Amino acid sequence: QVRGLCGTFTGDKRDEFTTPEGDVEPGVAAFANAFRAAGACPALGPGIPDPCHGFPGSRERAEAACAVLMGPAFQ
């Protein structure tokens, strides 16, 4: 029942990049762009930027958010 930027959580890696329209994208950039709000931010190109370079100082906040996703609530 899970679908979105966190994947489908079915254990099948082939459907992890399912877009809101139900299409399965082969690459990360096309998948991420499917969730992008038009005009809110630039579309991703073929290369994936390192988020730590674009948002210096946010590593600690990102690690805390990932710890929640990896914690007992999602096991």
PDB file of N, CA and C in Angstrom:
ATOM      1  N   GLN A   1       0.817  -1.196   0.000  1.00  0.00           N
ATOM      2  CA  GLN A   1       0.000   0.000   0.000  1.00  0.00           C
ATOM      3  C   GLN A   1       0.856   1.254   0.000  1.00  0.00           C
ATOM      4  N   VAL A   2       2.163   1.112   0.057  1.00  0.00           N
ATOM      5  CA  VAL A   2       3.061   2.260   0.083  1.00  0.00           C
ATOM      6  C   VAL A   2       3.491   2.571  -1.344  1.00  0.00           C
ATOM      7  N   ARG A   3       3.465   3.853  -1.697  1.00  0.00           N
ATOM      8  CA  ARG A   3       3.946   4.260  -3.009  1.00  0.00           C
ATOM      9  C   ARG A   3       4.367   5.710  -2.925  1.00  0.00           C
ATOM     10  N   GLY A   4       5.455   6.054  -3.566  1.00  0.00           N
ATOM     11  CA  GLY A   4       5.920   7.431  -3.580  1.00  0.00           C
ATOM     12  C   GLY A   4       7.429   7.486  -3.618  1.00  0.00           C
ATOM     13  N   LEU A   5       7.971   8.583  -3.124  1.00  0.00           N
ATOM     14  CA  LEU A   5       9.416   8.768  -3.174  1.00  0.00           C
ATOM     15  C   LEU A   5      10.167   7.752  -2.334  1.00  0.00           C
ATOM     16  N   CYS A   6       9.494   7.107  -1.392  1.00  0.00           N
ATOM     17  CA  CYS A   6      10.141   6.065  -0.587  1.00  0.00           C
ATOM     18  C   CYS A   6      10.023   4.696  -1.246  1.00  0.00           C
ATOM     19  N   GLY A   7       9.425   4.610  -2.426  1.00  0.00           N
ATOM     20  CA  GLY A   7       9.297   3.339  -3.134  1.00  0.00           C
ATOM     21  C   GLY A   7       7.985   2.649  -2.819  1.00  0.00           C
ATOM     22  N   THR A   8       7.885   1.397  -3.230  1.00  0.00           N
ATOM     23  CA  THR A   8       6.652   0.634  -3.048  1.00  0.00           C
ATOM     24  C   THR A   8       6.727  -0.318  -1.860  1.00  0.00           C
ATOM     25  N   PHE A   9       7.925  -0.606  -1.398  1.00  0.00           N
ATOM     26  CA  PHE A   9       8.159  -1.451  -0.233  1.00  0.00           C
ATOM     27  C   PHE A   9       7.561  -2.843  -0.409  1.00  0.00           C
ATOM     28  N   THR A  10       7.648  -3.368  -1.639  1.00  0.00           N
ATOM     29  CA  THR A  10       7.143  -4.715  -1.909  1.00  0.00           C
ATOM     30  C   THR A  10       8.253  -5.750  -1.925  1.00  0.00           C
ATOM     31  N   GLY A  11       9.501  -5.290  -1.894  1.00  0.00           N
ATOM     32  CA  GLY A  11      10.625  -6.204  -2.005  1.00  0.00           C
ATOM     33  C   GLY A  11      11.034  -6.444  -3.455  1.00  0.00           C
ATOM     34  N   ASP A  12      10.225  -5.958  -4.397  1.00  0.00           N
ATOM     35  CA  ASP A  12      10.521  -6.094  -5.825  1.00  0.00           C
ATOM     36  C   ASP A  12      11.170  -4.803  -6.298  1.00  0.00           C
ATOM     37  N   LYS A  13      12.473  -4.825  -6.526  1.00  0.00           N
ATOM     38  CA  LYS A  13      13.204  -3.619  -6.898  1.00  0.00           C
ATOM     39  C   LYS A  13      12.799  -3.078  -8.261  1.00  0.00           C
ATOM     40  N   ARG A  14      12.137  -3.888  -9.064  1.00  0.00           N
ATOM     41  CA  ARG A  14      11.746  -3.432 -10.399  1.00  0.00           C
ATOM     42  C   ARG A  14      10.620  -2.406 -10.359  1.00  0.00           C
ATOM     43  N   ASP A  15       9.870  -2.327  -9.273  1.00  0.00           N
ATOM     44  CA  ASP A  15       8.766  -1.364  -9.229  1.00  0.00           C
ATOM     45  C   ASP A  15       9.005  -0.214  -8.241  1.00  0.00           C
ATOM     46  N   GLU A  16      10.221  -0.047  -7.790  1.00  0.00           N
ATOM     47  CA  GLU A  16      10.512   1.001  -6.812  1.00  0.00           C
ATOM     48  C   GLU A  16      10.383   2.404  -7.390  1.00  0.00           C
ATOM     49  N   PHE A  17      10.578   2.573  -8.690  1.00  0.00           N
ATOM     50  CA  PHE A  17      10.490   3.901  -9.302  1.00  0.00           C
ATOM     51  C   PHE A  17       9.128   4.102  -9.955  1.00  0.00           C
ATOM     52  N   THR A  18       8.047   3.734  -9.276  1.00  0.00           N
ATOM     53  CA  THR A  18       6.697   3.920  -9.801  1.00  0.00           C
ATOM     54  C   THR A  18       6.257   5.361  -9.577  1.00  0.00           C
ATOM     55  N   THR A  19       5.844   6.022 -10.651  1.00  0.00           N
ATOM     56  CA  THR A  19       5.432   7.427 -10.600  1.00  0.00           C
ATOM     57  C   THR A  19       3.986   7.548 -10.108  1.00  0.00           C
ATOM     58  N   PRO A  20       3.539   8.759  -9.806  1.00  0.00           N
ATOM     59  CA  PRO A  20       2.151   8.937  -9.393  1.00  0.00           C
ATOM     60  C   PRO A  20       1.144   8.451 -10.449  1.00  0.00           C
ATOM     61  N   GLU A  21       1.556   8.450 -11.715  1.00  0.00           N
ATOM     62  CA  GLU A  21       0.682   7.987 -12.792  1.00  0.00           C
ATOM     63  C   GLU A  21       0.700   6.470 -12.948  1.00  0.00           C
ATOM     64  N   GLY A  22       1.562   5.786 -12.194  1.00  0.00           N
ATOM     65  CA  GLY A  22       1.650   4.331 -12.270  1.00  0.00           C
ATOM     66  C   GLY A  22       2.688   3.816 -13.228  1.00  0.00           C
ATOM     67  N   ASP A  23       3.441   4.723 -13.883  1.00  0.00           N
ATOM     68  CA  ASP A  23       4.521   4.307 -14.780  1.00  0.00           C
ATOM     69  C   ASP A  23       5.748   3.932 -13.953  1.00  0.00           C
ATOM     70  N   VAL A  24       6.566   3.035 -14.464  1.00  0.00           N
ATOM     71  CA  VAL A  24       7.818   2.685 -13.800  1.00  0.00           C
ATOM     72  C   VAL A  24       8.950   3.309 -14.602  1.00  0.00           C
ATOM     73  N   GLU A  25       9.663   4.242 -13.974  1.00  0.00           N
ATOM     74  CA  GLU A  25      10.770   4.933 -14.634  1.00  0.00           C
ATOM     75  C   GLU A  25      12.055   4.129 -14.472  1.00  0.00           C
ATOM     76  N   PRO A  26      12.896   4.099 -15.500  1.00  0.00           N
ATOM     77  CA  PRO A  26      14.141   3.344 -15.414  1.00  0.00           C
ATOM     78  C   PRO A  26      15.246   4.062 -14.646  1.00  0.00           C
ATOM     79  N   GLY A  27      15.157   5.381 -14.522  1.00  0.00           N
ATOM     80  CA  GLY A  27      16.229   6.129 -13.877  1.00  0.00           C
ATOM     81  C   GLY A  27      15.737   7.030 -12.763  1.00  0.00           C
ATOM     82  N   VAL A  28      16.664   7.424 -11.906  1.00  0.00           N
ATOM     83  CA  VAL A  28      16.354   8.236 -10.736  1.00  0.00           C
ATOM     84  C   VAL A  28      15.850   9.626 -11.127  1.00  0.00           C
ATOM     85  N   ALA A  29      16.497  10.273 -12.106  1.00  0.00           N
ATOM     86  CA  ALA A  29      16.126  11.642 -12.463  1.00  0.00           C
ATOM     87  C   ALA A  29      14.694  11.709 -12.993  1.00  0.00           C
ATOM     88  N   ALA A  30      14.334  10.821 -13.905  1.00  0.00           N
ATOM     89  CA  ALA A  30      12.976  10.828 -14.454  1.00  0.00           C
ATOM     90  C   ALA A  30      11.954  10.531 -13.356  1.00  0.00           C
ATOM     91  N   PHE A  31      12.293   9.641 -12.449  1.00  0.00           N
ATOM     92  CA  PHE A  31      11.404   9.318 -11.330  1.00  0.00           C
ATOM     93  C   PHE A  31      11.203  10.535 -10.433  1.00  0.00           C
ATOM     94  N   ALA A  32      12.292  11.181 -10.049  1.00  0.00           N
ATOM     95  CA  ALA A  32      12.200  12.353  -9.177  1.00  0.00           C
ATOM     96  C   ALA A  32      11.446  13.483  -9.860  1.00  0.00           C
ATOM     97  N   ASN A  33      11.677  13.684 -11.151  1.00  0.00           N
ATOM     98  CA  ASN A  33      10.984  14.745 -11.874  1.00  0.00           C
ATOM     99  C   ASN A  33       9.473  14.503 -11.939  1.00  0.00           C
ATOM    100  N   ALA A  34       9.041  13.249 -11.871  1.00  0.00           N
ATOM    101  CA  ALA A  34       7.610  12.942 -11.887  1.00  0.00           C
ATOM    102  C   ALA A  34       6.913  13.464 -10.637  1.00  0.00           C
ATOM    103  N   PHE A  35       7.647  13.650  -9.550  1.00  0.00           N
ATOM    104  CA  PHE A  35       7.073  14.146  -8.298  1.00  0.00           C
ATOM    105  C   PHE A  35       7.306  15.650  -8.120  1.00  0.00           C
ATOM    106  N   ARG A  36       8.030  16.257  -9.038  1.00  0.00           N
ATOM    107  CA  ARG A  36       8.391  17.673  -8.922  1.00  0.00           C
ATOM    108  C   ARG A  36       7.174  18.553  -9.150  1.00  0.00           C
ATOM    109  N   ALA A  37       6.985  19.543  -8.294  1.00  0.00           N
ATOM    110  CA  ALA A  37       5.922  20.528  -8.495  1.00  0.00           C
ATOM    111  C   ALA A  37       6.394  21.503  -9.558  1.00  0.00           C
ATOM    112  N   ALA A  38       5.613  21.661 -10.606  1.00  0.00           N
ATOM    113  CA  ALA A  38       5.995  22.525 -11.727  1.00  0.00           C
ATOM    114  C   ALA A  38       6.351  23.925 -11.234  1.00  0.00           C
ATOM    115  N   GLY A  39       7.512  24.390 -11.617  1.00  0.00           N
ATOM    116  CA  GLY A  39       7.959  25.720 -11.252  1.00  0.00           C
ATOM    117  C   GLY A  39       8.561  25.835  -9.869  1.00  0.00           C
ATOM    118  N   ALA A  40       8.434  24.810  -9.046  1.00  0.00           N
ATOM    119  CA  ALA A  40       8.942  24.890  -7.675  1.00  0.00           C
ATOM    120  C   ALA A  40      10.464  24.766  -7.622  1.00  0.00           C
ATOM    121  N   CYS A  41      11.023  23.990  -8.514  1.00  0.00           N
ATOM    122  CA  CYS A  41      12.464  23.802  -8.544  1.00  0.00           C
ATOM    123  C   CYS A  41      12.846  23.298  -9.936  1.00  0.00           C
ATOM    124  N   PRO A  42      14.112  23.441 -10.316  1.00  0.00           N
ATOM    125  CA  PRO A  42      14.510  22.979 -11.646  1.00  0.00           C
ATOM    126  C   PRO A  42      14.456  21.457 -11.754  1.00  0.00           C
ATOM    127  N   ALA A  43      14.178  20.971 -12.956  1.00  0.00           N
ATOM    128  CA  ALA A  43      14.162  19.530 -13.201  1.00  0.00           C
ATOM    129  C   ALA A  43      15.571  18.966 -13.077  1.00  0.00           C
ATOM    130  N   LEU A  44      15.659  17.739 -12.611  1.00  0.00           N
ATOM    131  CA  LEU A  44      16.950  17.069 -12.521  1.00  0.00           C
ATOM    132  C   LEU A  44      17.408  16.654 -13.910  1.00  0.00           C
ATOM    133  N   GLY A  45      18.695  16.773 -14.147  1.00  0.00           N
ATOM    134  CA  GLY A  45      19.277  16.288 -15.385  1.00  0.00           C
ATOM    135  C   GLY A  45      19.677  14.842 -15.217  1.00  0.00           C
ATOM    136  N   PRO A  46      20.413  14.313 -16.190  1.00  0.00           N
ATOM    137  CA  PRO A  46      20.788  12.891 -16.105  1.00  0.00           C
ATOM    138  C   PRO A  46      21.739  12.574 -14.952  1.00  0.00           C
ATOM    139  N   GLY A  47      22.557  13.531 -14.536  1.00  0.00           N
ATOM    140  CA  GLY A  47      23.470  13.300 -13.416  1.00  0.00           C
ATOM    141  C   GLY A  47      22.778  13.648 -12.112  1.00  0.00           C
ATOM    142  N   ILE A  48      22.995  12.874 -11.089  1.00  0.00           N
ATOM    143  CA  ILE A  48      22.365  13.124  -9.785  1.00  0.00           C
ATOM    144  C   ILE A  48      23.299  13.988  -8.939  1.00  0.00           C
ATOM    145  N   PRO A  49      22.847  15.189  -8.553  1.00  0.00           N
ATOM    146  CA  PRO A  49      23.705  16.046  -7.729  1.00  0.00           C
ATOM    147  C   PRO A  49      23.822  15.494  -6.312  1.00  0.00           C
ATOM    148  N   ASP A  50      24.935  15.758  -5.701  1.00  0.00           N
ATOM    149  CA  ASP A  50      25.137  15.353  -4.305  1.00  0.00           C
ATOM    150  C   ASP A  50      24.400  16.348  -3.421  1.00  0.00           C
ATOM    151  N   PRO A  51      23.382  15.909  -2.678  1.00  0.00           N
ATOM    152  CA  PRO A  51      22.595  16.850  -1.869  1.00  0.00           C
ATOM    153  C   PRO A  51      23.407  17.548  -0.794  1.00  0.00           C
ATOM    154  N   CYS A  52      24.487  16.963  -0.354  1.00  0.00           N
ATOM    155  CA  CYS A  52      25.300  17.593   0.681  1.00  0.00           C
ATOM    156  C   CYS A  52      26.017  18.830   0.146  1.00  0.00           C
ATOM    157  N   HIS A  53      26.292  18.859  -1.165  1.00  0.00           N
ATOM    158  CA  HIS A  53      26.931  20.030  -1.757  1.00  0.00           C
ATOM    159  C   HIS A  53      25.925  21.159  -1.950  1.00  0.00           C
ATOM    160  N   GLY A  54      24.690  20.831  -2.267  1.00  0.00           N
ATOM    161  CA  GLY A  54      23.675  21.837  -2.509  1.00  0.00           C
ATOM    162  C   GLY A  54      23.094  22.438  -1.244  1.00  0.00           C
ATOM    163  N   PHE A  55      23.173  21.712  -0.150  1.00  0.00           N
ATOM    164  CA  PHE A  55      22.594  22.165   1.107  1.00  0.00           C
ATOM    165  C   PHE A  55      23.588  21.956   2.246  1.00  0.00           C
ATOM    166  N   PRO A  56      24.653  22.743   2.276  1.00  0.00           N
ATOM    167  CA  PRO A  56      25.647  22.558   3.333  1.00  0.00           C
ATOM    168  C   PRO A  56      25.031  22.781   4.712  1.00  0.00           C
ATOM    169  N   GLY A  57      25.454  21.967   5.664  1.00  0.00           N
ATOM    170  CA  GLY A  57      24.953  22.082   7.023  1.00  0.00           C
ATOM    171  C   GLY A  57      23.696  21.277   7.285  1.00  0.00           C
ATOM    172  N   SER A  58      23.148  20.628   6.264  1.00  0.00           N
ATOM    173  CA  SER A  58      21.908  19.881   6.444  1.00  0.00           C
ATOM    174  C   SER A  58      22.130  18.395   6.687  1.00  0.00           C
ATOM    175  N   ARG A  59      23.376  17.968   6.705  1.00  0.00           N
ATOM    176  CA  ARG A  59      23.662  16.544   6.856  1.00  0.00           C
ATOM    177  C   ARG A  59      23.071  15.981   8.144  1.00  0.00           C
ATOM    178  N   GLU A  60      23.211  16.705   9.252  1.00  0.00           N
ATOM    179  CA  GLU A  60      22.704  16.212  10.525  1.00  0.00           C
ATOM    180  C   GLU A  60      21.189  16.049  10.489  1.00  0.00           C
ATOM    181  N   ARG A  61      20.492  17.019   9.898  1.00  0.00           N
ATOM    182  CA  ARG A  61      19.030  16.941   9.799  1.00  0.00           C
ATOM    183  C   ARG A  61      18.613  15.776   8.910  1.00  0.00           C
ATOM    184  N   ALA A  62      19.338  15.560   7.817  1.00  0.00           N
ATOM    185  CA  ALA A  62      19.036  14.448   6.914  1.00  0.00           C
ATOM    186  C   ALA A  62      19.275  13.110   7.598  1.00  0.00           C
ATOM    187  N   GLU A  63      20.367  12.994   8.344  1.00  0.00           N
ATOM    188  CA  GLU A  63      20.651  11.745   9.050  1.00  0.00           C
ATOM    189  C   GLU A  63      19.586  11.449  10.109  1.00  0.00           C
ATOM    190  N   ALA A  64      19.084  12.489  10.778  1.00  0.00           N
ATOM    191  CA  ALA A  64      18.027  12.302  11.771  1.00  0.00           C
ATOM    192  C   ALA A  64      16.733  11.835  11.106  1.00  0.00           C
ATOM    193  N   ALA A  65      16.412  12.417   9.937  1.00  0.00           N
ATOM    194  CA  ALA A  65      15.203  12.013   9.215  1.00  0.00           C
ATOM    195  C   ALA A  65      15.334  10.573   8.720  1.00  0.00           C
ATOM    196  N   CYS A  66      16.499  10.198   8.234  1.00  0.00           N
ATOM    197  CA  CYS A  66      16.714   8.829   7.770  1.00  0.00           C
ATOM    198  C   CYS A  66      16.643   7.838   8.930  1.00  0.00           C
ATOM    199  N   ALA A  67      17.092   8.260  10.095  1.00  0.00           N
ATOM    200  CA  ALA A  67      17.032   7.376  11.259  1.00  0.00           C
ATOM    201  C   ALA A  67      15.584   7.034  11.592  1.00  0.00           C
ATOM    202  N   VAL A  68      14.671   7.980  11.405  1.00  0.00           N
ATOM    203  CA  VAL A  68      13.249   7.704  11.640  1.00  0.00           C
ATOM    204  C   VAL A  68      12.753   6.678  10.633  1.00  0.00           C
ATOM    205  N   LEU A  69      13.109   6.851   9.358  1.00  0.00           N
ATOM    206  CA  LEU A  69      12.680   5.908   8.317  1.00  0.00           C
ATOM    207  C   LEU A  69      13.255   4.508   8.526  1.00  0.00           C
ATOM    208  N   MET A  70      14.443   4.446   9.094  1.00  0.00           N
ATOM    209  CA  MET A  70      15.084   3.160   9.332  1.00  0.00           C
ATOM    210  C   MET A  70      14.735   2.575  10.686  1.00  0.00           C
ATOM    211  N   GLY A  71      13.961   3.336  11.485  1.00  0.00           N
ATOM    212  CA  GLY A  71      13.640   2.935  12.844  1.00  0.00           C
ATOM    213  C   GLY A  71      12.456   1.968  12.922  1.00  0.00           C
ATOM    214  N   PRO A  72      12.023   1.686  14.133  1.00  0.00           N
ATOM    215  CA  PRO A  72      10.987   0.690  14.376  1.00  0.00           C
ATOM    216  C   PRO A  72       9.639   1.018  13.737  1.00  0.00           C
ATOM    217  N   ALA A  73       9.318   2.271  13.531  1.00  0.00           N
ATOM    218  CA  ALA A  73       8.016   2.623  12.954  1.00  0.00           C
ATOM    219  C   ALA A  73       7.843   2.082  11.547  1.00  0.00           C
ATOM    220  N   PHE A  74       8.939   1.873  10.830  1.00  0.00           N
ATOM    221  CA  PHE A  74       8.875   1.409   9.445  1.00  0.00           C
ATOM    222  C   PHE A  74       9.406   0.005   9.259  1.00  0.00           C
ATOM    223  N   GLN A  75       9.599  -0.738  10.340  1.00  0.00           N
ATOM    224  CA  GLN A  75      10.113  -2.107  10.224  1.00  0.00           C
ATOM    225  C   GLN A  75       8.989  -3.094  10.046  1.00  0.00           C
TER     226      GLN A  75
END
